[in-house]
Amino acid sequence: RLESRNCTADDWNDVLVAENFRPDYVQSAEFHGTVK
């Protein structure tokens, strides 16, 4: 879903989210390093 919304990550394993996270309001974002 994030990739379909133009989001990228160096490593998706380094992107951590809160338990009730929904990707609906994340768009055109780049994630590098550890991101919470």
Full PDB file with SEQRES, HELIX, SHEET, SSBOND, CRYST1, ORIGX, SCALE, CONECT and MASTER records, all heavy atoms in Angstrom:
SEQRES   1 A   36  ARG LEU GLU SER ARG ASN CYS THR ALA ASP ASP TRP ASN          
SEQRES   2 A   36  ASP VAL LEU VAL ALA GLU ASN PHE ARG PRO ASP TYR VAL          
SEQRES   3 A   36  GLN SER ALA GLU PHE HIS GLY THR VAL LYS                      
HELIX    1 AA1 GLU A    3  ARG A    5  5                                   3    
HELIX    2 AA2 TRP A   12  ASP A   14  5                                   3    
HELIX    3 AA3 PRO A   23  TYR A   25  5                                   3    
SHEET    1 AA1 2 THR A   8  ALA A   9  0                                        
SHEET    2 AA1 2 GLU A  30  PHE A  31  1                                        
CRYST1    1.000    1.000    1.000  90.00  90.00  90.00 P 1           1          
ORIGX1      1.000000  0.000000  0.000000        0.00000                         
ORIGX2      0.000000  1.000000  0.000000        0.00000                         
ORIGX3      0.000000  0.000000  1.000000        0.00000                         
SCALE1      1.000000  0.000000  0.000000        0.00000                         
SCALE2      0.000000  1.000000  0.000000        0.00000                         
SCALE3      0.000000  0.000000  1.000000        0.00000                         
ATOM      1  N   ARG A   1       0.846  -1.212   0.000  1.00  0.00           N  
ATOM      2  CA  ARG A   1       0.000   0.000   0.000  1.00  0.00           C  
ATOM      3  C   ARG A   1       0.876   1.255   0.000  1.00  0.00           C  
ATOM      4  O   ARG A   1       0.607   2.206  -0.724  1.00  0.00           O  
ATOM      5  CB  ARG A   1      -0.936  -0.012   1.201  1.00  0.00           C  
ATOM      6  CG  ARG A   1      -1.819   1.190   1.330  1.00  0.00           C  
ATOM      7  CD  ARG A   1      -2.956   1.157   0.342  1.00  0.00           C  
ATOM      8  NE  ARG A   1      -3.895   2.225   0.661  1.00  0.00           N  
ATOM      9  CZ  ARG A   1      -4.383   3.043  -0.236  1.00  0.00           C  
ATOM     10  NH1 ARG A   1      -4.102   2.895  -1.510  1.00  0.00           N  
ATOM     11  NH2 ARG A   1      -5.207   3.988   0.122  1.00  0.00           N  
ATOM     12  N   LEU A   2       1.911   1.275   0.826  1.00  0.00           N  
ATOM     13  CA  LEU A   2       2.817   2.428   0.861  1.00  0.00           C  
ATOM     14  C   LEU A   2       3.510   2.612  -0.485  1.00  0.00           C  
ATOM     15  O   LEU A   2       3.614   3.731  -0.991  1.00  0.00           O  
ATOM     16  CB  LEU A   2       3.842   2.265   1.982  1.00  0.00           C  
ATOM     17  CG  LEU A   2       3.299   2.435   3.405  1.00  0.00           C  
ATOM     18  CD1 LEU A   2       4.301   1.942   4.425  1.00  0.00           C  
ATOM     19  CD2 LEU A   2       2.910   3.880   3.669  1.00  0.00           C  
ATOM     20  N   GLU A   3       3.978   1.531  -1.078  1.00  0.00           N  
ATOM     21  CA  GLU A   3       4.635   1.636  -2.381  1.00  0.00           C  
ATOM     22  C   GLU A   3       3.671   2.142  -3.454  1.00  0.00           C  
ATOM     23  O   GLU A   3       4.064   2.911  -4.326  1.00  0.00           O  
ATOM     24  CB  GLU A   3       5.236   0.281  -2.773  1.00  0.00           C  
ATOM     25  CG  GLU A   3       6.447  -0.058  -1.926  1.00  0.00           C  
ATOM     26  CD  GLU A   3       7.042  -1.420  -2.218  1.00  0.00           C  
ATOM     27  OE1 GLU A   3       6.332  -2.300  -2.754  1.00  0.00           O  
ATOM     28  OE2 GLU A   3       8.234  -1.600  -1.894  1.00  0.00           O  
ATOM     29  N   SER A   4       2.411   1.750  -3.364  1.00  0.00           N  
ATOM     30  CA  SER A   4       1.418   2.239  -4.331  1.00  0.00           C  
ATOM     31  C   SER A   4       1.133   3.722  -4.144  1.00  0.00           C  
ATOM     32  O   SER A   4       0.612   4.373  -5.040  1.00  0.00           O  
ATOM     33  CB  SER A   4       0.122   1.435  -4.222  1.00  0.00           C  
ATOM     34  OG  SER A   4      -0.625   1.821  -3.084  1.00  0.00           O  
ATOM     35  N   ARG A   5       1.493   4.248  -2.986  1.00  0.00           N  
ATOM     36  CA  ARG A   5       1.291   5.667  -2.679  1.00  0.00           C  
ATOM     37  C   ARG A   5       2.610   6.437  -2.829  1.00  0.00           C  
ATOM     38  O   ARG A   5       2.812   7.474  -2.216  1.00  0.00           O  
ATOM     39  CB  ARG A   5       0.701   5.822  -1.285  1.00  0.00           C  
ATOM     40  CG  ARG A   5      -0.680   5.143  -1.174  1.00  0.00           C  
ATOM     41  CD  ARG A   5      -1.307   5.271   0.196  1.00  0.00           C  
ATOM     42  NE  ARG A   5      -1.508   6.641   0.603  1.00  0.00           N  
ATOM     43  CZ  ARG A   5      -2.471   7.450   0.164  1.00  0.00           C  
ATOM     44  NH1 ARG A   5      -3.331   7.021  -0.711  1.00  0.00           N  
ATOM     45  NH2 ARG A   5      -2.578   8.677   0.621  1.00  0.00           N  
ATOM     46  N   ASN A   6       3.526   5.883  -3.627  1.00  0.00           N  
ATOM     47  CA  ASN A   6       4.792   6.546  -3.963  1.00  0.00           C  
ATOM     48  C   ASN A   6       5.734   6.690  -2.773  1.00  0.00           C  
ATOM     49  O   ASN A   6       6.447   7.683  -2.643  1.00  0.00           O  
ATOM     50  CB  ASN A   6       4.541   7.898  -4.623  1.00  0.00           C  
ATOM     51  CG  ASN A   6       5.736   8.380  -5.415  1.00  0.00           C  
ATOM     52  OD1 ASN A   6       6.446   7.579  -5.999  1.00  0.00           O  
ATOM     53  ND2 ASN A   6       5.959   9.683  -5.414  1.00  0.00           N  
ATOM     54  N   CYS A   7       5.762   5.698  -1.896  1.00  0.00           N  
ATOM     55  CA  CYS A   7       6.683   5.684  -0.758  1.00  0.00           C  
ATOM     56  C   CYS A   7       7.784   4.664  -1.021  1.00  0.00           C  
ATOM     57  O   CYS A   7       7.556   3.631  -1.654  1.00  0.00           O  
ATOM     58  CB  CYS A   7       5.951   5.311   0.529  1.00  0.00           C  
ATOM     59  SG  CYS A   7       4.686   6.496   1.018  1.00  0.00           S  
ATOM     60  N   THR A   8       8.993   4.982  -0.533  1.00  0.00           N  
ATOM     61  CA  THR A   8      10.129   4.085  -0.674  1.00  0.00           C  
ATOM     62  C   THR A   8      10.868   3.987   0.652  1.00  0.00           C  
ATOM     63  O   THR A   8      10.758   4.870   1.508  1.00  0.00           O  
ATOM     64  CB  THR A   8      11.110   4.577  -1.756  1.00  0.00           C  
ATOM     65  OG1 THR A   8      11.625   5.857  -1.372  1.00  0.00           O  
ATOM     66  CG2 THR A   8      10.438   4.681  -3.117  1.00  0.00           C  
ATOM     67  N   ALA A   9      11.636   2.904   0.788  1.00  0.00           N  
ATOM     68  CA  ALA A   9      12.491   2.725   1.966  1.00  0.00           C  
ATOM     69  C   ALA A   9      13.768   2.035   1.542  1.00  0.00           C  
ATOM     70  O   ALA A   9      13.747   1.178   0.645  1.00  0.00           O  
ATOM     71  CB  ALA A   9      11.778   1.902   3.030  1.00  0.00           C  
ATOM     72  N   ASP A  10      14.876   2.416   2.172  1.00  0.00           N  
ATOM     73  CA  ASP A  10      16.125   1.692   1.942  1.00  0.00           C  
ATOM     74  C   ASP A  10      15.925   0.224   2.322  1.00  0.00           C  
ATOM     75  O   ASP A  10      16.397  -0.669   1.645  1.00  0.00           O  
ATOM     76  CB  ASP A  10      17.263   2.281   2.765  1.00  0.00           C  
ATOM     77  CG  ASP A  10      17.709   3.640   2.264  1.00  0.00           C  
ATOM     78  OD1 ASP A  10      17.425   3.991   1.096  1.00  0.00           O  
ATOM     79  OD2 ASP A  10      18.348   4.363   3.058  1.00  0.00           O  
ATOM     80  N   ASP A  11      15.227   0.009   3.439  1.00  0.00           N  
ATOM     81  CA  ASP A  11      14.933  -1.338   3.920  1.00  0.00           C  
ATOM     82  C   ASP A  11      13.635  -1.266   4.719  1.00  0.00           C  
ATOM     83  O   ASP A  11      13.599  -0.651   5.785  1.00  0.00           O  
ATOM     84  CB  ASP A  11      16.078  -1.844   4.798  1.00  0.00           C  
ATOM     85  CG  ASP A  11      15.900  -3.277   5.250  1.00  0.00           C  
ATOM     86  OD1 ASP A  11      14.767  -3.822   5.175  1.00  0.00           O  
ATOM     87  OD2 ASP A  11      16.903  -3.874   5.680  1.00  0.00           O  
ATOM     88  N   TRP A  12      12.590  -1.884   4.210  1.00  0.00           N  
ATOM     89  CA  TRP A  12      11.291  -1.812   4.893  1.00  0.00           C  
ATOM     90  C   TRP A  12      11.352  -2.421   6.288  1.00  0.00           C  
ATOM     91  O   TRP A  12      10.524  -2.092   7.146  1.00  0.00           O  
ATOM     92  CB  TRP A  12      10.208  -2.486   4.054  1.00  0.00           C  
ATOM     93  CG  TRP A  12       9.789  -1.672   2.869  1.00  0.00           C  
ATOM     94  CD1 TRP A  12      10.002  -1.966   1.549  1.00  0.00           C  
ATOM     95  CD2 TRP A  12       9.081  -0.421   2.881  1.00  0.00           C  
ATOM     96  NE1 TRP A  12       9.483  -0.974   0.746  1.00  0.00           N  
ATOM     97  CE2 TRP A  12       8.901  -0.014   1.543  1.00  0.00           C  
ATOM     98  CE3 TRP A  12       8.590   0.403   3.897  1.00  0.00           C  
ATOM     99  CZ2 TRP A  12       8.253   1.166   1.188  1.00  0.00           C  
ATOM    100  CZ3 TRP A  12       7.940   1.575   3.538  1.00  0.00           C  
ATOM    101  CH2 TRP A  12       7.779   1.957   2.211  1.00  0.00           C  
ATOM    102  N   ASN A  13      12.337  -3.276   6.571  1.00  0.00           N  
ATOM    103  CA  ASN A  13      12.477  -3.845   7.919  1.00  0.00           C  
ATOM    104  C   ASN A  13      12.890  -2.794   8.940  1.00  0.00           C  
ATOM    105  O   ASN A  13      12.754  -3.004  10.142  1.00  0.00           O  
ATOM    106  CB  ASN A  13      13.504  -4.991   7.916  1.00  0.00           C  
ATOM    107  CG  ASN A  13      12.992  -6.194   7.177  1.00  0.00           C  
ATOM    108  OD1 ASN A  13      11.852  -6.610   7.378  1.00  0.00           O  
ATOM    109  ND2 ASN A  13      13.807  -6.755   6.307  1.00  0.00           N  
ATOM    110  N   ASP A  14      13.416  -1.666   8.471  1.00  0.00           N  
ATOM    111  CA  ASP A  14      13.830  -0.576   9.362  1.00  0.00           C  
ATOM    112  C   ASP A  14      12.714   0.435   9.616  1.00  0.00           C  
ATOM    113  O   ASP A  14      12.912   1.401  10.349  1.00  0.00           O  
ATOM    114  CB  ASP A  14      15.044   0.151   8.786  1.00  0.00           C  
ATOM    115  CG  ASP A  14      16.287  -0.722   8.770  1.00  0.00           C  
ATOM    116  OD1 ASP A  14      16.376  -1.658   9.595  1.00  0.00           O  
ATOM    117  OD2 ASP A  14      17.170  -0.475   7.929  1.00  0.00           O  
ATOM    118  N   VAL A  15      11.567   0.226   8.997  1.00  0.00           N  
ATOM    119  CA  VAL A  15      10.404   1.095   9.226  1.00  0.00           C  
ATOM    120  C   VAL A  15       9.480   0.365  10.187  1.00  0.00           C  
ATOM    121  O   VAL A  15       8.913  -0.688   9.859  1.00  0.00           O  
ATOM    122  CB  VAL A  15       9.676   1.431   7.903  1.00  0.00           C  
ATOM    123  CG1 VAL A  15       8.459   2.320   8.186  1.00  0.00           C  
ATOM    124  CG2 VAL A  15      10.626   2.110   6.931  1.00  0.00           C  
ATOM    125  N   LEU A  16       9.359   0.908  11.390  1.00  0.00           N  
ATOM    126  CA  LEU A  16       8.537   0.307  12.438  1.00  0.00           C  
ATOM    127  C   LEU A  16       7.319   1.183  12.667  1.00  0.00           C  
ATOM    128  O   LEU A  16       7.396   2.411  12.559  1.00  0.00           O  
ATOM    129  CB  LEU A  16       9.353   0.160  13.715  1.00  0.00           C  
ATOM    130  CG  LEU A  16      10.658  -0.627  13.565  1.00  0.00           C  
ATOM    131  CD1 LEU A  16      11.480  -0.551  14.836  1.00  0.00           C  
ATOM    132  CD2 LEU A  16      10.366  -2.075  13.194  1.00  0.00           C  
ATOM    133  N   VAL A  17       6.200   0.554  13.014  1.00  0.00           N  
ATOM    134  CA  VAL A  17       4.952   1.304  13.153  1.00  0.00           C  
ATOM    135  C   VAL A  17       4.221   0.931  14.439  1.00  0.00           C  
ATOM    136  O   VAL A  17       4.411  -0.161  14.982  1.00  0.00           O  
ATOM    137  CB  VAL A  17       4.025   1.064  11.936  1.00  0.00           C  
ATOM    138  CG1 VAL A  17       4.667   1.614  10.663  1.00  0.00           C  
ATOM    139  CG2 VAL A  17       3.676  -0.400  11.770  1.00  0.00           C  
ATOM    140  N   ALA A  18       3.376   1.846  14.899  1.00  0.00           N  
ATOM    141  CA  ALA A  18       2.527   1.585  16.055  1.00  0.00           C  
ATOM    142  C   ALA A  18       1.529   0.484  15.711  1.00  0.00           C  
ATOM    143  O   ALA A  18       1.213   0.242  14.542  1.00  0.00           O  
ATOM    144  CB  ALA A  18       1.785   2.863  16.447  1.00  0.00           C  
ATOM    145  N   GLU A  19       1.026  -0.180  16.703  1.00  0.00           N  
ATOM    146  CA  GLU A  19       0.152  -1.341  16.503  1.00  0.00           C  
ATOM    147  C   GLU A  19      -1.037  -1.050  15.592  1.00  0.00           C  
ATOM    148  O   GLU A  19      -1.378  -1.840  14.734  1.00  0.00           O  
ATOM    149  CB  GLU A  19      -0.341  -1.864  17.853  1.00  0.00           C  
ATOM    150  CG  GLU A  19      -1.133  -3.142  17.746  1.00  0.00           C  
ATOM    151  CD  GLU A  19      -0.351  -4.288  17.100  1.00  0.00           C  
ATOM    152  OE1 GLU A  19       0.853  -4.429  17.374  1.00  0.00           O  
ATOM    153  OE2 GLU A  19      -0.965  -5.039  16.305  1.00  0.00           O  
ATOM    154  N   ASN A  20      -1.689   0.089  15.750  1.00  0.00           N  
ATOM    155  CA  ASN A  20      -2.891   0.400  14.966  1.00  0.00           C  
ATOM    156  C   ASN A  20      -2.603   1.249  13.723  1.00  0.00           C  
ATOM    157  O   ASN A  20      -3.509   1.883  13.188  1.00  0.00           O  
ATOM    158  CB  ASN A  20      -3.923   1.097  15.843  1.00  0.00           C  
ATOM    159  CG  ASN A  20      -4.450   0.163  16.916  1.00  0.00           C  
ATOM    160  OD1 ASN A  20      -4.636  -1.025  16.681  1.00  0.00           O  
ATOM    161  ND2 ASN A  20      -4.664   0.687  18.112  1.00  0.00           N  
ATOM    162  N   PHE A  21      -1.359   1.253  13.276  1.00  0.00           N  
ATOM    163  CA  PHE A  21      -0.972   2.020  12.095  1.00  0.00           C  
ATOM    164  C   PHE A  21      -1.762   1.576  10.869  1.00  0.00           C  
ATOM    165  O   PHE A  21      -1.985   0.389  10.654  1.00  0.00           O  
ATOM    166  CB  PHE A  21       0.525   1.829  11.824  1.00  0.00           C  
ATOM    167  CG  PHE A  21       0.996   2.438  10.535  1.00  0.00           C  
ATOM    168  CD1 PHE A  21       1.305   3.780  10.459  1.00  0.00           C  
ATOM    169  CD2 PHE A  21       1.129   1.658   9.386  1.00  0.00           C  
ATOM    170  CE1 PHE A  21       1.747   4.345   9.274  1.00  0.00           C  
ATOM    171  CE2 PHE A  21       1.568   2.212   8.193  1.00  0.00           C  
ATOM    172  CZ  PHE A  21       1.877   3.557   8.138  1.00  0.00           C  
ATOM    173  N   ARG A  22      -2.171   2.570  10.065  1.00  0.00           N  
ATOM    174  CA  ARG A  22      -2.775   2.338   8.749  1.00  0.00           C  
ATOM    175  C   ARG A  22      -2.040   3.237   7.764  1.00  0.00           C  
ATOM    176  O   ARG A  22      -1.843   4.424   8.040  1.00  0.00           O  
ATOM    177  CB  ARG A  22      -4.262   2.682   8.759  1.00  0.00           C  
ATOM    178  CG  ARG A  22      -5.082   1.700   9.559  1.00  0.00           C  
ATOM    179  CD  ARG A  22      -6.577   2.008   9.584  1.00  0.00           C  
ATOM    180  NE  ARG A  22      -7.040   2.786   8.465  1.00  0.00           N  
ATOM    181  CZ  ARG A  22      -7.917   3.796   8.558  1.00  0.00           C  
ATOM    182  NH1 ARG A  22      -8.414   4.137   9.719  1.00  0.00           N  
ATOM    183  NH2 ARG A  22      -8.297   4.445   7.495  1.00  0.00           N  
ATOM    184  N   PRO A  23      -1.661   2.726   6.594  1.00  0.00           N  
ATOM    185  CA  PRO A  23      -0.869   3.508   5.643  1.00  0.00           C  
ATOM    186  C   PRO A  23      -1.674   4.505   4.815  1.00  0.00           C  
ATOM    187  O   PRO A  23      -1.122   5.169   3.952  1.00  0.00           O  
ATOM    188  CB  PRO A  23      -0.261   2.427   4.744  1.00  0.00           C  
ATOM    189  CG  PRO A  23      -1.218   1.294   4.819  1.00  0.00           C  
ATOM    190  CD  PRO A  23      -1.800   1.334   6.199  1.00  0.00           C  
ATOM    191  N   ASP A  24      -2.948   4.669   5.087  1.00  0.00           N  
ATOM    192  CA  ASP A  24      -3.828   5.489   4.261  1.00  0.00           C  
ATOM    193  C   ASP A  24      -3.430   6.960   4.189  1.00  0.00           C  
ATOM    194  O   ASP A  24      -3.786   7.641   3.224  1.00  0.00           O  
ATOM    195  CB  ASP A  24      -5.266   5.399   4.766  1.00  0.00           C  
ATOM    196  CG  ASP A  24      -5.791   3.979   4.732  1.00  0.00           C  
ATOM    197  OD1 ASP A  24      -5.258   3.159   3.957  1.00  0.00           O  
ATOM    198  OD2 ASP A  24      -6.728   3.684   5.485  1.00  0.00           O  
ATOM    199  N   TYR A  25      -2.740   7.475   5.181  1.00  0.00           N  
ATOM    200  CA  TYR A  25      -2.405   8.894   5.210  1.00  0.00           C  
ATOM    201  C   TYR A  25      -0.905   9.135   5.102  1.00  0.00           C  
ATOM    202  O   TYR A  25      -0.385  10.131   5.600  1.00  0.00           O  
ATOM    203  CB  TYR A  25      -2.989   9.547   6.464  1.00  0.00           C  
ATOM    204  CG  TYR A  25      -4.496   9.489   6.446  1.00  0.00           C  
ATOM    205  CD1 TYR A  25      -5.192   8.534   7.180  1.00  0.00           C  
ATOM    206  CD2 TYR A  25      -5.221  10.359   5.645  1.00  0.00           C  
ATOM    207  CE1 TYR A  25      -6.574   8.458   7.119  1.00  0.00           C  
ATOM    208  CE2 TYR A  25      -6.602  10.285   5.574  1.00  0.00           C  
ATOM    209  CZ  TYR A  25      -7.270   9.338   6.316  1.00  0.00           C  
ATOM    210  OH  TYR A  25      -8.638   9.255   6.248  1.00  0.00           O  
ATOM    211  N   VAL A  26      -0.214   8.225   4.431  1.00  0.00           N  
ATOM    212  CA  VAL A  26       1.207   8.377   4.152  1.00  0.00           C  
ATOM    213  C   VAL A  26       1.370   8.321   2.640  1.00  0.00           C  
ATOM    214  O   VAL A  26       0.955   7.362   2.003  1.00  0.00           O  
ATOM    215  CB  VAL A  26       2.040   7.270   4.825  1.00  0.00           C  
ATOM    216  CG1 VAL A  26       3.517   7.458   4.520  1.00  0.00           C  
ATOM    217  CG2 VAL A  26       1.794   7.248   6.327  1.00  0.00           C  
ATOM    218  N   GLN A  27       1.963   9.387   2.088  1.00  0.00           N  
ATOM    219  CA  GLN A  27       2.061   9.500   0.627  1.00  0.00           C  
ATOM    220  C   GLN A  27       3.347  10.210   0.243  1.00  0.00           C  
ATOM    221  O   GLN A  27       3.740  11.188   0.883  1.00  0.00           O  
ATOM    222  CB  GLN A  27       0.864  10.291   0.114  1.00  0.00           C  
ATOM    223  CG  GLN A  27       0.821  10.474  -1.371  1.00  0.00           C  
ATOM    224  CD  GLN A  27      -0.465  11.186  -1.773  1.00  0.00           C  
ATOM    225  OE1 GLN A  27      -1.518  11.013  -1.177  1.00  0.00           O  
ATOM    226  NE2 GLN A  27      -0.358  12.010  -2.778  1.00  0.00           N  
ATOM    227  N   SER A  28       4.003   9.714  -0.784  1.00  0.00           N  
ATOM    228  CA  SER A  28       5.225  10.331  -1.334  1.00  0.00           C  
ATOM    229  C   SER A  28       6.251  10.598  -0.238  1.00  0.00           C  
ATOM    230  O   SER A  28       6.722  11.715  -0.051  1.00  0.00           O  
ATOM    231  CB  SER A  28       4.891  11.626  -2.073  1.00  0.00           C  
ATOM    232  OG  SER A  28       4.026  11.350  -3.155  1.00  0.00           O  
ATOM    233  N   ALA A  29       6.620   9.515   0.471  1.00  0.00           N  
ATOM    234  CA  ALA A  29       7.602   9.619   1.548  1.00  0.00           C  
ATOM    235  C   ALA A  29       8.775   8.684   1.276  1.00  0.00           C  
ATOM    236  O   ALA A  29       8.601   7.610   0.707  1.00  0.00           O  
ATOM    237  CB  ALA A  29       6.958   9.266   2.884  1.00  0.00           C  
ATOM    238  N   GLU A  30       9.957   9.135   1.679  1.00  0.00           N  
ATOM    239  CA  GLU A  30      11.160   8.307   1.611  1.00  0.00           C  
ATOM    240  C   GLU A  30      11.623   8.044   3.035  1.00  0.00           C  
ATOM    241  O   GLU A  30      11.694   8.963   3.848  1.00  0.00           O  
ATOM    242  CB  GLU A  30      12.292   9.025   0.880  1.00  0.00           C  
ATOM    243  CG  GLU A  30      12.098   9.210  -0.588  1.00  0.00           C  
ATOM    244  CD  GLU A  30      13.296   9.918  -1.215  1.00  0.00           C  
ATOM    245  OE1 GLU A  30      14.453   9.699  -0.763  1.00  0.00           O  
ATOM    246  OE2 GLU A  30      13.068  10.710  -2.134  1.00  0.00           O  
ATOM    247  N   PHE A  31      11.984   6.781   3.306  1.00  0.00           N  
ATOM    248  CA  PHE A  31      12.434   6.387   4.634  1.00  0.00           C  
ATOM    249  C   PHE A  31      13.843   5.816   4.549  1.00  0.00           C  
ATOM    250  O   PHE A  31      14.102   4.880   3.803  1.00  0.00           O  
ATOM    251  CB  PHE A  31      11.486   5.346   5.227  1.00  0.00           C  
ATOM    252  CG  PHE A  31      10.056   5.811   5.295  1.00  0.00           C  
ATOM    253  CD1 PHE A  31       9.087   5.222   4.501  1.00  0.00           C  
ATOM    254  CD2 PHE A  31       9.687   6.843   6.139  1.00  0.00           C  
ATOM    255  CE1 PHE A  31       7.761   5.645   4.558  1.00  0.00           C  
ATOM    256  CE2 PHE A  31       8.376   7.280   6.201  1.00  0.00           C  
ATOM    257  CZ  PHE A  31       7.409   6.677   5.410  1.00  0.00           C  
ATOM    258  N   HIS A  32      14.757   6.406   5.339  1.00  0.00           N  
ATOM    259  CA  HIS A  32      16.149   5.973   5.399  1.00  0.00           C  
ATOM    260  C   HIS A  32      16.500   5.736   6.860  1.00  0.00           C  
ATOM    261  O   HIS A  32      16.034   6.454   7.743  1.00  0.00           O  
ATOM    262  CB  HIS A  32      17.071   7.045   4.817  1.00  0.00           C  
ATOM    263  CG  HIS A  32      16.689   7.443   3.421  1.00  0.00           C  
ATOM    264  ND1 HIS A  32      17.089   6.740   2.312  1.00  0.00           N  
ATOM    265  CD2 HIS A  32      15.925   8.468   2.964  1.00  0.00           C  
ATOM    266  CE1 HIS A  32      16.596   7.313   1.227  1.00  0.00           C  
ATOM    267  NE2 HIS A  32      15.879   8.370   1.596  1.00  0.00           N  
ATOM    268  N   GLY A  33      17.343   4.759   7.123  1.00  0.00           N  
ATOM    269  CA  GLY A  33      17.699   4.446   8.494  1.00  0.00           C  
ATOM    270  C   GLY A  33      16.496   3.883   9.235  1.00  0.00           C  
ATOM    271  O   GLY A  33      15.562   3.370   8.623  1.00  0.00           O  
ATOM    272  N   THR A  34      16.524   3.989  10.552  1.00  0.00           N  
ATOM    273  CA  THR A  34      15.407   3.506  11.368  1.00  0.00           C  
ATOM    274  C   THR A  34      14.361   4.602  11.496  1.00  0.00           C  
ATOM    275  O   THR A  34      14.664   5.717  11.932  1.00  0.00           O  
ATOM    276  CB  THR A  34      15.894   3.091  12.765  1.00  0.00           C  
ATOM    277  OG1 THR A  34      16.875   2.071  12.620  1.00  0.00           O  
ATOM    278  CG2 THR A  34      14.738   2.584  13.614  1.00  0.00           C  
ATOM    279  N   VAL A  35      13.140   4.287  11.097  1.00  0.00           N  
ATOM    280  CA  VAL A  35      12.035   5.240  11.166  1.00  0.00           C  
ATOM    281  C   VAL A  35      10.897   4.583  11.925  1.00  0.00           C  
ATOM    282  O   VAL A  35      10.535   3.435  11.649  1.00  0.00           O  
ATOM    283  CB  VAL A  35      11.565   5.662   9.751  1.00  0.00           C  
ATOM    284  CG1 VAL A  35      10.356   6.563   9.833  1.00  0.00           C  
ATOM    285  CG2 VAL A  35      12.694   6.352   9.004  1.00  0.00           C  
ATOM    286  N   LYS A  36      10.351   5.300  12.896  1.00  0.00           N  
ATOM    287  CA  LYS A  36       9.212   4.811  13.682  1.00  0.00           C  
ATOM    288  C   LYS A  36       8.030   5.734  13.438  1.00  0.00           C  
ATOM    289  O   LYS A  36       8.164   6.951  13.563  1.00  0.00           O  
ATOM    290  CB  LYS A  36       9.558   4.777  15.173  1.00  0.00           C  
ATOM    291  CG  LYS A  36      10.681   3.804  15.486  1.00  0.00           C  
ATOM    292  CD  LYS A  36      11.000   3.812  16.967  1.00  0.00           C  
ATOM    293  CE  LYS A  36      12.119   2.834  17.276  1.00  0.00           C  
ATOM    294  NZ  LYS A  36      12.456   2.849  18.719  1.00  0.00           N  
TER     295      LYS A  36                                                      
MASTER        0    0    0    3    2    0    0    6  294    1    0    3          
END                                                                             
